[in-house]
Protein backbone atom coordinates (compact mmCIF):
# COMPACT_ATOMS: atom_id res chain seq x y z
CA MET A 1 0.00 0.00 0.00
CA THR A 2 1.36 3.39 -0.96
CA GLU A 3 1.24 6.46 1.26
CA ASP A 4 -1.49 7.99 -0.91
CA ASP A 5 -3.52 4.78 -0.81
CA PHE A 6 -3.25 4.70 2.96
CA ILE A 7 -4.32 8.34 3.33
CA ASN A 8 -7.19 8.09 0.87
CA TYR A 9 -8.54 4.58 1.35
CA TYR A 10 -7.58 3.06 4.68
CA ILE A 11 -10.42 3.20 7.20
CA VAL A 12 -9.78 2.44 10.85
CA PRO A 13 -12.34 -0.18 11.88
CA ASP A 14 -14.72 0.42 14.78
CA SER A 15 -13.13 -2.58 16.48
CA ALA A 16 -9.88 -0.59 16.86
CA VAL A 17 -11.71 2.08 18.85
CA ASP A 18 -13.42 -0.62 20.90
CA ASP A 19 -10.05 -2.20 21.63
CA PHE A 20 -8.65 1.17 22.66
CA GLN A 21 -11.63 1.68 24.97
CA SER A 22 -11.02 -1.76 26.50
CA TYR A 23 -7.38 -0.82 27.04
CA LEU A 24 -8.41 2.36 28.86
CA TYR A 25 -10.71 0.40 31.16
CA GLN A 26 -8.02 -2.21 31.76
CA GLU A 27 -5.59 0.53 32.76
CA GLU A 28 -8.31 2.05 34.97
CA VAL A 29 -8.26 5.33 33.08
CA GLY A 30 -12.03 5.57 33.30
CA TYR A 31 -12.51 7.63 30.16
CA ASP A 32 -15.29 6.90 27.68
CA VAL A 33 -14.24 7.62 24.09
CA SER A 34 -17.61 6.77 22.54
CA MET A 35 -18.46 10.45 22.01
CA TYR A 36 -15.15 10.98 20.20
CA LYS A 37 -15.07 7.94 17.92
CA ASP A 38 -14.15 9.89 14.77
CA GLU A 39 -11.36 11.77 16.54
CA VAL A 40 -9.96 8.54 18.00
CA LYS A 41 -10.05 6.90 14.57
CA LYS A 42 -8.15 9.84 13.10
CA ALA A 43 -5.56 9.66 15.88
CA ILE A 44 -5.11 5.91 15.38
CA LYS A 45 -4.77 6.33 11.61
CA ALA A 46 -2.29 9.19 12.03
CA ASN A 47 -0.16 7.17 14.42
CA MET A 48 -0.21 4.16 12.09
CA ALA A 49 0.82 6.43 9.22
CA GLN A 50 3.68 7.82 11.26
CA GLN A 51 5.01 4.33 11.86
CA LEU A 52 4.60 3.30 8.23
CA PHE A 53 5.48 6.48 6.33
CA GLY A 54 6.93 9.06 8.73
CA ASP A 55 6.06 12.34 10.40
CA ASN A 56 4.87 14.16 7.27
CA THR A 57 2.12 11.61 6.66
CA TYR A 58 1.15 11.80 10.33
CA GLN A 59 0.69 15.57 9.98
CA LYS A 60 -1.20 15.23 6.67
CA ILE A 61 -3.78 13.03 8.32
CA LEU A 62 -4.12 15.13 11.47
CA LYS A 63 -4.48 18.33 9.47
CA SER A 64 -6.67 16.89 6.70
CA ASP A 65 -9.78 18.78 7.75
CA ASP A 66 -8.13 22.02 8.85
CA ALA A 67 -9.95 24.55 6.65
CA MET A 68 -7.38 27.30 7.05
CA LEU A 69 -4.48 25.01 6.21
CA GLN A 70 -6.35 23.66 3.17
CA LYS A 71 -6.88 27.22 1.92
CA VAL A 72 -3.20 28.08 2.41
CA LEU A 73 -2.18 24.98 0.46
CA GLU A 74 -4.67 25.82 -2.29
CA LEU A 75 -3.28 29.33 -2.61
CA TYR A 76 0.28 28.03 -2.54
CA HIS A 77 -0.32 25.48 -5.29
CA ASN A 78 -2.52 27.80 -7.40
CA PRO A 79 -1.09 31.33 -7.15
CA LYS A 80 -2.88 34.09 -9.02
CA GLN A 81 -1.16 34.93 -12.23
């Protein structure tokens, strides 16, 4: 799997969040992540990407829905002529 394939197509399964929740209970953290399932999935995916592809991919995933950053990148890649 390429970096782009991972970013665009890999979906963290719900079971990964469930396993993380089980880990928290086992460690007696007492925190319920069910309200933050999408954020936890993004964090898991970003950390997996960091291990597989490096820090830049980690940041790409974490910042993927940052509207201001997306606009800056758009302006950078498509400057007015």
